[in-house]
N, C-alpha and C. Protein backbone atom coordinates (compact mmCIF):
# COMPACT_ATOMS: atom_id res chain seq x y z
N MET A 1 0.82 -1.43 -0.16
CA MET A 1 -0.27 -0.09 0.13
C MET A 1 0.88 1.15 0.13
N GLU A 2 0.45 1.47 -0.90
CA GLU A 2 1.37 3.74 -1.20
C GLU A 2 1.08 4.34 -0.06
N GLU A 3 2.10 4.75 0.99
CA GLU A 3 2.08 5.31 1.74
C GLU A 3 1.51 7.03 1.17
N GLN A 4 0.85 7.53 2.17
CA GLN A 4 0.21 8.78 1.82
C GLN A 4 0.45 9.80 3.51
N VAL A 5 1.07 11.32 2.80
CA VAL A 5 0.91 12.08 4.29
C VAL A 5 -0.70 12.46 4.89
N PHE A 6 -0.84 12.90 3.69
CA PHE A 6 -2.51 13.63 4.14
C PHE A 6 -3.84 12.58 3.23
N THR A 7 -4.46 12.03 3.91
CA THR A 7 -5.45 11.00 2.92
C THR A 7 -7.12 11.88 3.51
N SER A 8 -7.95 12.19 2.49
CA SER A 8 -8.91 12.62 2.51
C SER A 8 -10.08 11.95 2.95
N SER A 9 -10.80 11.99 3.57
CA SER A 9 -11.86 11.17 3.64
C SER A 9 -13.63 11.85 3.32
N VAL A 10 -14.50 10.86 2.67
CA VAL A 10 -15.68 11.47 2.29
C VAL A 10 -16.54 10.54 2.70
N ILE A 11 -17.55 11.64 3.36
CA ILE A 11 -18.17 10.28 3.83
C ILE A 11 -20.24 10.69 2.92
N TYR A 12 -20.35 9.18 2.98
CA TYR A 12 -21.49 9.73 1.85
C TYR A 12 -22.83 8.65 3.18
N LYS A 13 -24.25 9.04 2.89
CA LYS A 13 -25.22 8.06 2.94
C LYS A 13 -25.22 6.73 2.68
N ASP A 14 -25.05 6.19 1.60
CA ASP A 14 -24.88 4.85 0.94
C ASP A 14 -23.62 4.93 0.73
N PRO A 15 -22.34 4.47 1.37
CA PRO A 15 -21.37 4.37 0.78
C PRO A 15 -20.91 3.76 -0.14
N LYS A 16 -21.62 2.20 -0.12
CA LYS A 16 -22.02 1.57 -1.35
C LYS A 16 -22.46 1.74 -3.01
N ALA A 17 -23.14 2.75 -2.87
CA ALA A 17 -23.50 3.77 -4.03
C ALA A 17 -22.07 4.53 -4.42
N ALA A 18 -22.09 5.56 -3.39
CA ALA A 18 -21.07 5.94 -3.69
C ALA A 18 -19.65 5.38 -4.22
N LEU A 19 -19.22 4.32 -3.67
CA LEU A 19 -18.02 3.75 -4.48
C LEU A 19 -18.80 3.08 -5.70
N ALA A 20 -19.82 3.07 -6.17
CA ALA A 20 -20.04 2.70 -7.77
C ALA A 20 -20.33 3.80 -8.67
N TRP A 21 -21.16 4.97 -8.26
CA TRP A 21 -20.98 5.89 -8.81
C TRP A 21 -19.38 7.04 -9.13
N LEU A 22 -18.58 6.87 -7.97
CA LEU A 22 -17.60 7.40 -8.15
C LEU A 22 -16.04 6.76 -9.07
N GLU A 23 -16.99 5.38 -9.33
CA GLU A 23 -15.82 4.14 -10.32
C GLU A 23 -16.61 4.51 -11.63
N GLY A 24 -17.65 4.78 -11.70
CA GLY A 24 -18.29 5.05 -12.80
C GLY A 24 -18.28 6.47 -13.69
N ALA A 25 -18.46 7.31 -12.76
CA ALA A 25 -18.09 9.08 -13.05
C ALA A 25 -16.94 9.45 -13.10
N PHE A 26 -15.92 9.00 -12.09
CA PHE A 26 -14.70 9.93 -12.13
C PHE A 26 -13.38 8.67 -12.69
N GLY A 27 -14.09 7.65 -12.84
CA GLY A 27 -12.94 6.50 -13.11
C GLY A 27 -12.26 6.23 -11.98
N PHE A 28 -12.55 6.18 -10.63
CA PHE A 28 -11.79 5.75 -9.54
C PHE A 28 -11.68 4.78 -9.53
N GLU A 29 -10.73 3.67 -8.72
CA GLU A 29 -11.03 2.27 -8.49
C GLU A 29 -10.94 1.88 -6.96
N ILE A 30 -11.59 0.88 -6.71
CA ILE A 30 -11.57 0.40 -5.42
C ILE A 30 -10.28 -0.22 -5.27
N THR A 31 -9.65 -0.22 -4.16
CA THR A 31 -8.36 -0.24 -3.76
C THR A 31 -8.15 -0.89 -2.51
N MET A 32 -9.48 -0.83 -1.77
CA MET A 32 -9.95 -1.77 -0.34
C MET A 32 -10.93 -1.28 0.20
N ALA A 33 -11.92 -2.63 0.81
CA ALA A 33 -13.15 -2.68 1.23
C ALA A 33 -13.36 -2.98 2.57
N ILE A 34 -13.31 -2.65 3.26
CA ILE A 34 -14.23 -3.15 4.64
C ILE A 34 -15.42 -3.18 4.62
N ASP A 35 -16.52 -4.24 4.73
CA ASP A 35 -17.61 -4.00 4.92
C ASP A 35 -18.00 -3.92 6.47
N GLY A 36 -19.14 -2.83 7.09
CA GLY A 36 -18.87 -2.82 8.59
C GLY A 36 -19.91 -4.28 9.13
N PRO A 37 -20.04 -4.54 10.25
CA PRO A 37 -20.83 -5.87 10.39
C PRO A 37 -22.01 -5.47 10.54
N PRO A 38 -22.98 -6.86 10.43
CA PRO A 38 -24.03 -6.82 9.72
C PRO A 38 -25.24 -6.16 11.11
N ASP A 39 -24.64 -6.28 12.24
CA ASP A 39 -25.50 -4.96 13.32
C ASP A 39 -24.87 -3.28 13.26
N ALA A 40 -23.42 -3.05 12.52
CA ALA A 40 -23.28 -1.44 12.35
C ALA A 40 -22.85 -1.47 11.20
N PRO A 41 -23.40 -1.68 9.74
CA PRO A 41 -23.17 -1.35 8.74
C PRO A 41 -22.12 0.23 8.28
N GLU A 42 -22.46 0.81 9.56
CA GLU A 42 -22.13 2.35 9.03
C GLU A 42 -20.52 1.75 9.46
N MET A 43 -19.98 1.31 10.35
CA MET A 43 -18.51 0.95 10.60
C MET A 43 -17.95 0.38 9.68
N CYS A 44 -17.70 0.73 8.37
CA CYS A 44 -17.68 0.33 6.78
C CYS A 44 -16.33 1.43 6.88
N HIS A 45 -15.10 1.02 5.82
CA HIS A 45 -14.20 1.56 5.34
C HIS A 45 -13.74 1.10 4.06
N TYR A 46 -13.90 2.21 3.28
CA TYR A 46 -13.14 1.97 1.55
C TYR A 46 -12.08 3.03 1.20
N GLU A 47 -11.62 2.47 0.61
CA GLU A 47 -10.60 3.40 -0.26
C GLU A 47 -10.78 2.89 -1.64
N MET A 48 -10.32 4.33 -2.37
CA MET A 48 -10.49 4.27 -3.86
C MET A 48 -9.05 5.22 -4.16
N SER A 49 -8.72 4.58 -5.45
CA SER A 49 -7.53 5.31 -6.09
C SER A 49 -8.03 6.31 -7.38
N CYS A 50 -7.29 6.90 -7.99
CA CYS A 50 -7.23 7.84 -9.15
C CYS A 50 -6.28 7.20 -10.32
N ALA A 51 -6.45 6.29 -11.43
CA ALA A 51 -5.37 5.57 -12.20
C ALA A 51 -4.26 5.55 -11.76
N GLY A 52 -4.43 4.95 -10.17
CA GLY A 52 -3.12 3.75 -9.50
C GLY A 52 -2.79 4.86 -8.81
N ARG A 53 -3.11 6.31 -8.31
CA ARG A 53 -2.09 7.34 -7.88
C ARG A 53 -3.34 7.88 -6.59
N GLY A 54 -2.60 7.99 -5.38
CA GLY A 54 -3.10 8.66 -4.56
C GLY A 54 -4.07 7.40 -4.03
N ARG A 55 -4.85 8.38 -2.78
CA ARG A 55 -5.88 7.62 -2.11
C ARG A 55 -6.80 8.11 -1.44
N ILE A 56 -8.26 8.17 -1.99
CA ILE A 56 -9.73 9.08 -1.02
C ILE A 56 -10.09 7.61 -0.14
N MET A 57 -10.71 8.32 0.87
CA MET A 57 -11.33 6.96 1.66
C MET A 57 -12.54 7.34 1.82
N VAL A 58 -13.29 6.22 2.23
CA VAL A 58 -15.13 6.59 1.70
C VAL A 58 -16.13 6.11 2.93
N GLY A 59 -16.73 6.75 3.44
CA GLY A 59 -17.18 6.08 4.90
C GLY A 59 -18.56 6.55 4.73
N ALA A 60 -19.05 6.05 5.98
CA ALA A 60 -20.63 6.30 5.97
C ALA A 60 -20.45 7.30 7.43
N GLU A 61 -21.80 7.67 7.94
CA GLU A 61 -22.34 8.48 8.73
C GLU A 61 -22.18 7.62 10.13
N TRP A 62 -20.58 7.59 10.73
CA TRP A 62 -20.30 7.01 11.77
C TRP A 62 -21.04 7.19 13.50
N ALA A 63 -20.90 8.66 13.08
CA ALA A 63 -20.44 9.48 14.73
C ALA A 63 -21.99 10.07 14.27
N GLU A 64 -21.49 10.71 15.71
CA GLU A 64 -22.95 11.88 15.27
C GLU A 64 -22.13 13.48 14.86
N TRP A 65 -20.30 13.42 14.52
CA TRP A 65 -19.82 14.60 14.05
C TRP A 65 -19.79 14.12 12.96
N VAL A 66 -20.13 13.07 12.21
CA VAL A 66 -19.45 12.54 10.89
C VAL A 66 -20.91 12.74 9.88
N ARG A 67 -20.91 14.07 9.06
CA ARG A 67 -22.13 13.95 8.45
C ARG A 67 -21.82 14.18 7.06
N VAL A 68 -23.21 13.71 6.02
CA VAL A 68 -22.89 14.60 5.06
C VAL A 68 -23.41 15.52 4.62
N PRO A 69 -22.84 16.40 3.27
CA PRO A 69 -23.53 17.36 3.04
C PRO A 69 -24.96 18.26 3.01
N ALA A 70 -25.58 17.34 2.79
CA ALA A 70 -27.18 17.18 3.16
C ALA A 70 -27.84 17.58 4.17
N ALA A 71 -26.74 16.70 5.51
CA ALA A 71 -26.86 16.68 6.65
C ALA A 71 -26.58 18.66 7.45
N VAL A 72 -25.79 19.62 6.48
CA VAL A 72 -25.28 20.48 7.23
C VAL A 72 -25.76 21.16 6.48
N GLY A 73 -26.87 21.06 6.14
CA GLY A 73 -27.66 22.25 4.95
C GLY A 73 -26.73 22.05 3.43
N GLY A 74 -26.05 21.37 3.37
CA GLY A 74 -25.62 21.47 1.50
C GLY A 74 -24.28 21.80 1.51
N GLY A 75 -23.42 22.53 3.24
CA GLY A 75 -22.50 22.83 2.96
C GLY A 75 -21.30 21.69 2.92
N ASN A 76 -19.92 22.32 2.60
CA ASN A 76 -18.79 21.57 2.69
C ASN A 76 -17.74 21.95 3.27
N THR A 77 -17.00 21.06 4.50
CA THR A 77 -16.23 21.80 4.99
C THR A 77 -14.82 21.26 4.53
N GLN A 78 -14.93 20.51 2.92
CA GLN A 78 -13.90 20.18 2.57
C GLN A 78 -14.28 20.60 1.37
N THR A 79 -12.98 20.48 0.15
CA THR A 79 -13.08 19.79 -0.96
C THR A 79 -11.96 18.63 -1.39
N VAL A 80 -12.26 18.03 -2.35
CA VAL A 80 -11.30 17.14 -2.99
C VAL A 80 -10.66 17.41 -3.94
N HIS A 81 -9.03 17.92 -4.31
CA HIS A 81 -8.88 18.31 -5.62
C HIS A 81 -8.08 16.90 -6.41
N VAL A 82 -8.44 17.02 -7.70
CA VAL A 82 -7.67 15.49 -7.92
C VAL A 82 -6.74 15.78 -9.28
N GLN A 83 -5.64 15.42 -9.33
CA GLN A 83 -5.01 15.97 -10.45
C GLN A 83 -4.47 14.62 -11.20
N LEU A 84 -5.76 14.79 -12.66
CA LEU A 84 -5.32 13.98 -13.53
C LEU A 84 -4.01 13.67 -14.27
N PRO A 85 -3.82 12.49 -15.11
CA PRO A 85 -2.19 12.72 -15.57
C PRO A 85 -2.80 13.12 -17.10
N GLY A 86 -4.01 13.30 -17.43
CA GLY A 86 -4.75 14.15 -18.85
C GLY A 86 -6.19 13.76 -19.20
N GLY A 87 -6.33 14.11 -19.99
CA GLY A 87 -7.64 13.59 -20.76
C GLY A 87 -8.68 14.77 -20.12
N LEU A 88 -8.23 15.88 -19.46
CA LEU A 88 -9.77 16.49 -18.67
C LEU A 88 -11.04 16.55 -19.08
N ASP A 89 -11.25 16.96 -20.47
CA ASP A 89 -12.20 17.70 -21.26
C ASP A 89 -13.46 15.96 -21.12
N GLU A 90 -12.62 15.20 -21.74
CA GLU A 90 -13.12 13.87 -22.10
C GLU A 90 -13.46 13.13 -20.05
N HIS A 91 -12.91 13.52 -19.10
CA HIS A 91 -12.94 13.36 -17.88
C HIS A 91 -14.54 14.24 -17.25
N CYS A 92 -14.63 15.27 -17.59
CA CYS A 92 -15.78 16.21 -17.59
C CYS A 92 -16.82 15.68 -18.05
N GLU A 93 -16.33 15.09 -19.34
CA GLU A 93 -17.99 14.82 -19.99
C GLU A 93 -18.25 13.39 -19.21
N ARG A 94 -17.67 12.53 -19.02
CA ARG A 94 -17.76 11.66 -18.52
C ARG A 94 -18.60 11.76 -16.76
N ALA A 95 -17.95 12.40 -16.17
CA ALA A 95 -18.53 12.66 -15.15
C ALA A 95 -19.98 13.65 -15.42
N ARG A 96 -20.18 14.19 -16.45
CA ARG A 96 -21.77 14.68 -16.43
C ARG A 96 -22.59 13.81 -17.01
N GLY A 97 -22.04 13.03 -18.05
CA GLY A 97 -22.86 11.48 -18.65
C GLY A 97 -23.32 10.88 -17.19
N ALA A 98 -22.32 10.44 -16.11
CA ALA A 98 -22.77 10.01 -14.89
C ALA A 98 -24.00 10.86 -13.72
N GLY A 99 -23.78 12.04 -14.48
CA GLY A 99 -24.94 12.54 -13.33
C GLY A 99 -24.00 13.70 -12.96
N ALA A 100 -23.08 13.83 -12.72
CA ALA A 100 -22.93 15.09 -12.11
C ALA A 100 -22.99 16.45 -12.12
N VAL A 101 -22.97 17.58 -11.06
CA VAL A 101 -23.41 18.84 -11.49
C VAL A 101 -21.99 18.88 -11.84
N ILE A 102 -21.94 19.93 -12.95
CA ILE A 102 -20.66 20.61 -13.73
C ILE A 102 -20.98 22.15 -12.96
N GLU A 103 -20.23 22.31 -12.00
CA GLU A 103 -19.71 23.67 -11.09
C GLU A 103 -19.16 24.53 -12.17
N ALA A 104 -17.87 24.17 -12.59
CA ALA A 104 -17.45 25.13 -13.46
C ALA A 104 -16.51 24.13 -14.46
N GLU A 105 -17.37 25.00 -15.63
CA GLU A 105 -16.72 24.08 -17.31
C GLU A 105 -14.88 23.92 -17.02
N PRO A 106 -14.57 22.93 -17.83
CA PRO A 106 -13.26 23.06 -18.28
C PRO A 106 -12.71 24.38 -18.66
N ALA A 107 -11.66 25.05 -18.23
CA ALA A 107 -10.63 26.21 -18.60
C ALA A 107 -9.34 26.03 -17.69
N ASP A 108 -8.65 26.75 -18.67
CA ASP A 108 -7.28 27.04 -18.58
C ASP A 108 -7.00 28.04 -17.50
N GLN A 109 -6.13 27.53 -16.69
CA GLN A 109 -5.35 28.40 -15.67
C GLN A 109 -4.42 29.09 -15.81
N PHE A 110 -4.26 30.23 -14.88
CA PHE A 110 -2.92 31.17 -15.18
C PHE A 110 -1.87 30.26 -14.85
N TYR A 111 -1.83 28.96 -13.95
CA TYR A 111 -0.59 28.49 -13.23
C TYR A 111 -0.66 27.57 -14.38
N GLY A 112 -0.90 26.89 -15.25
CA GLY A 112 -0.82 25.86 -15.83
C GLY A 112 -1.58 24.98 -16.16
N ASP A 113 -2.27 24.88 -15.63
CA ASP A 113 -3.32 23.41 -15.39
C ASP A 113 -4.55 24.10 -16.18
N ARG A 114 -5.64 23.08 -16.49
CA ARG A 114 -6.81 22.74 -17.05
C ARG A 114 -7.96 22.43 -16.27
N THR A 115 -8.81 22.91 -15.46
CA THR A 115 -9.61 22.15 -14.32
C THR A 115 -10.88 22.55 -14.28
N TYR A 116 -11.58 21.55 -13.76
CA TYR A 116 -13.03 22.17 -14.12
C TYR A 116 -13.83 21.57 -12.70
N ARG A 117 -14.66 22.00 -11.99
CA ARG A 117 -15.36 21.46 -10.51
C ARG A 117 -16.95 20.47 -11.17
N ALA A 118 -17.04 19.67 -10.02
CA ALA A 118 -17.98 19.00 -10.06
C ALA A 118 -18.90 18.89 -8.82
N ILE A 119 -20.38 18.29 -8.85
CA ILE A 119 -20.90 17.80 -7.18
C ILE A 119 -21.79 17.39 -7.82
N ASP A 120 -20.76 15.82 -6.51
CA ASP A 120 -21.68 14.20 -6.73
C ASP A 120 -22.94 14.38 -6.12
N PRO A 121 -24.19 13.25 -6.83
CA PRO A 121 -25.35 12.88 -6.02
C PRO A 121 -25.14 13.26 -4.20
N GLU A 122 -24.40 13.10 -3.45
CA GLU A 122 -24.70 13.45 -2.42
C GLU A 122 -24.05 14.90 -1.70
N GLY A 123 -23.56 15.89 -2.63
CA GLY A 123 -23.20 17.43 -2.30
C GLY A 123 -21.43 17.44 -2.31
N HIS A 124 -20.66 16.62 -2.69
CA HIS A 124 -19.32 16.89 -2.23
C HIS A 124 -19.25 17.53 -3.41
N HIS A 125 -18.16 18.49 -2.98
CA HIS A 125 -17.58 19.42 -4.46
C HIS A 125 -16.06 18.59 -5.01
N TRP A 126 -15.60 18.42 -6.06
CA TRP A 126 -14.77 18.14 -6.27
C TRP A 126 -13.72 18.40 -7.82
N THR A 127 -12.90 18.96 -7.21
CA THR A 127 -12.50 19.93 -8.27
C THR A 127 -11.37 18.76 -9.35
N PHE A 128 -10.73 18.76 -10.69
CA PHE A 128 -10.05 18.11 -11.33
C PHE A 128 -9.26 18.87 -12.31
N SER A 129 -8.39 18.49 -12.02
CA SER A 129 -6.77 19.43 -13.17
C SER A 129 -6.07 17.89 -13.65
N ALA A 130 -5.39 19.34 -14.78
CA ALA A 130 -4.16 18.19 -15.55
C ALA A 130 -3.54 19.18 -16.12
N ARG A 131 -2.50 19.20 -15.95
CA ARG A 131 -1.22 19.79 -16.43
C ARG A 131 -1.43 20.32 -18.20
N VAL A 132 -1.94 21.32 -18.64
CA VAL A 132 -1.62 21.33 -19.80
C VAL A 132 -0.34 22.26 -20.66
N ARG A 133 0.37 22.91 -19.47
CA ARG A 133 1.60 23.61 -20.00
C ARG A 133 2.15 23.85 -18.78
N ASP A 134 3.63 24.14 -19.03
CA ASP A 134 4.80 24.83 -17.99
C ASP A 134 4.70 26.16 -17.76
N VAL A 135 4.71 26.47 -16.55
CA VAL A 135 4.30 27.70 -16.32
C VAL A 135 5.53 28.30 -15.29
N THR A 136 6.59 29.42 -15.49
CA THR A 136 7.06 29.37 -14.26
C THR A 136 6.31 30.33 -13.42
N ARG A 137 6.85 30.71 -11.98
CA ARG A 137 6.55 31.27 -10.94
C ARG A 137 6.40 32.35 -11.48
N ALA A 138 7.47 33.42 -12.13
CA ALA A 138 7.15 34.22 -12.19
C ALA A 138 6.08 34.95 -13.76
N GLU A 139 5.61 33.62 -14.29
CA GLU A 139 5.22 34.02 -15.15
C GLU A 139 3.34 33.89 -14.27
N ALA A 140 3.42 33.14 -13.84
CA ALA A 140 2.04 33.03 -12.63
C ALA A 140 2.26 34.21 -12.19
N GLU A 141 3.23 35.27 -11.43
CA GLU A 141 2.72 36.44 -10.44
C GLU A 141 2.47 37.27 -11.84
N ALA A 142 3.37 37.23 -12.94
CA ALA A 142 2.63 38.21 -13.54
C ALA A 142 1.31 38.10 -14.15
N ALA A 143 0.80 36.85 -14.52
CA ALA A 143 -0.62 36.84 -14.49
C ALA A 143 -1.39 37.25 -14.00
N LEU A 144 -1.40 36.69 -12.19
CA LEU A 144 -1.89 37.19 -11.11
C LEU A 144 -2.18 38.52 -10.73
N GLY A 145 -0.80 38.88 -11.31
CA GLY A 145 -0.39 40.69 -10.52
C GLY A 145 -0.07 40.54 -9.41
N GLN A 146 0.32 39.48 -8.75
CA GLN A 146 1.00 39.87 -6.97
C GLN A 146 1.66 38.74 -6.84
N PRO A 147 2.86 38.45 -5.96
CA PRO A 147 3.42 37.69 -5.63
C PRO A 147 3.04 36.27 -5.28
N ILE A 148 3.30 35.38 -5.06
CA ILE A 148 3.35 34.03 -4.77
C ILE A 148 4.91 32.97 -3.89
N MET A 149 4.01 32.93 -2.89
CA MET A 149 5.53 32.04 -2.05
C MET A 149 5.03 30.77 -2.51
N ALA A 150 6.16 29.75 -2.85
CA ALA A 150 5.66 28.40 -2.78
C ALA A 150 7.37 28.13 -3.08
N THR A 151 7.39 26.94 -1.92
CA THR A 151 8.83 26.55 -1.80
C THR A 151 9.04 25.61 -2.80
N HIS A 152 8.38 25.18 -3.58
CA HIS A 152 8.85 24.40 -4.90
C HIS A 152 8.68 24.54 -6.06
N TRP A 153 8.51 25.71 -6.40
CA TRP A 153 7.64 26.30 -7.89
C TRP A 153 8.78 27.59 -7.99
N GLN A 154 9.61 27.01 -9.15
CA GLN A 154 10.90 28.01 -9.87
C GLN A 154 10.40 29.32 -10.48
């Protein structure tokens, strides 16, 4: 198992349905599946990757403080950003075809990525991006009109 430093966990009312939807819409792959016991199915744990990279955990409302967006008025306390190896526009169309609400259509960004934002059926916001051109920090600063502090961007 690839070691990650940070891993987001996304909570769903129906995590098994979410796994199927995330696989069909976003192309994620299930890398771990632990069903909850019959008397506590919400105690499940699932993990998915994207093109064999990264990890997202998927679970259910297993505690009072763990809620889906609909349970908190549609708010999100986090969004998930996924860096794709390419094919962003096709990815967006696949997600749209599976029922994702496209919140922001694919567009080139000043920092060299092309991005789009989608909302899944349970209200989670996702941003997908793919590198389309290399941009120096100086070029990005000129496009943005202000300095950028970045430890690993020349």
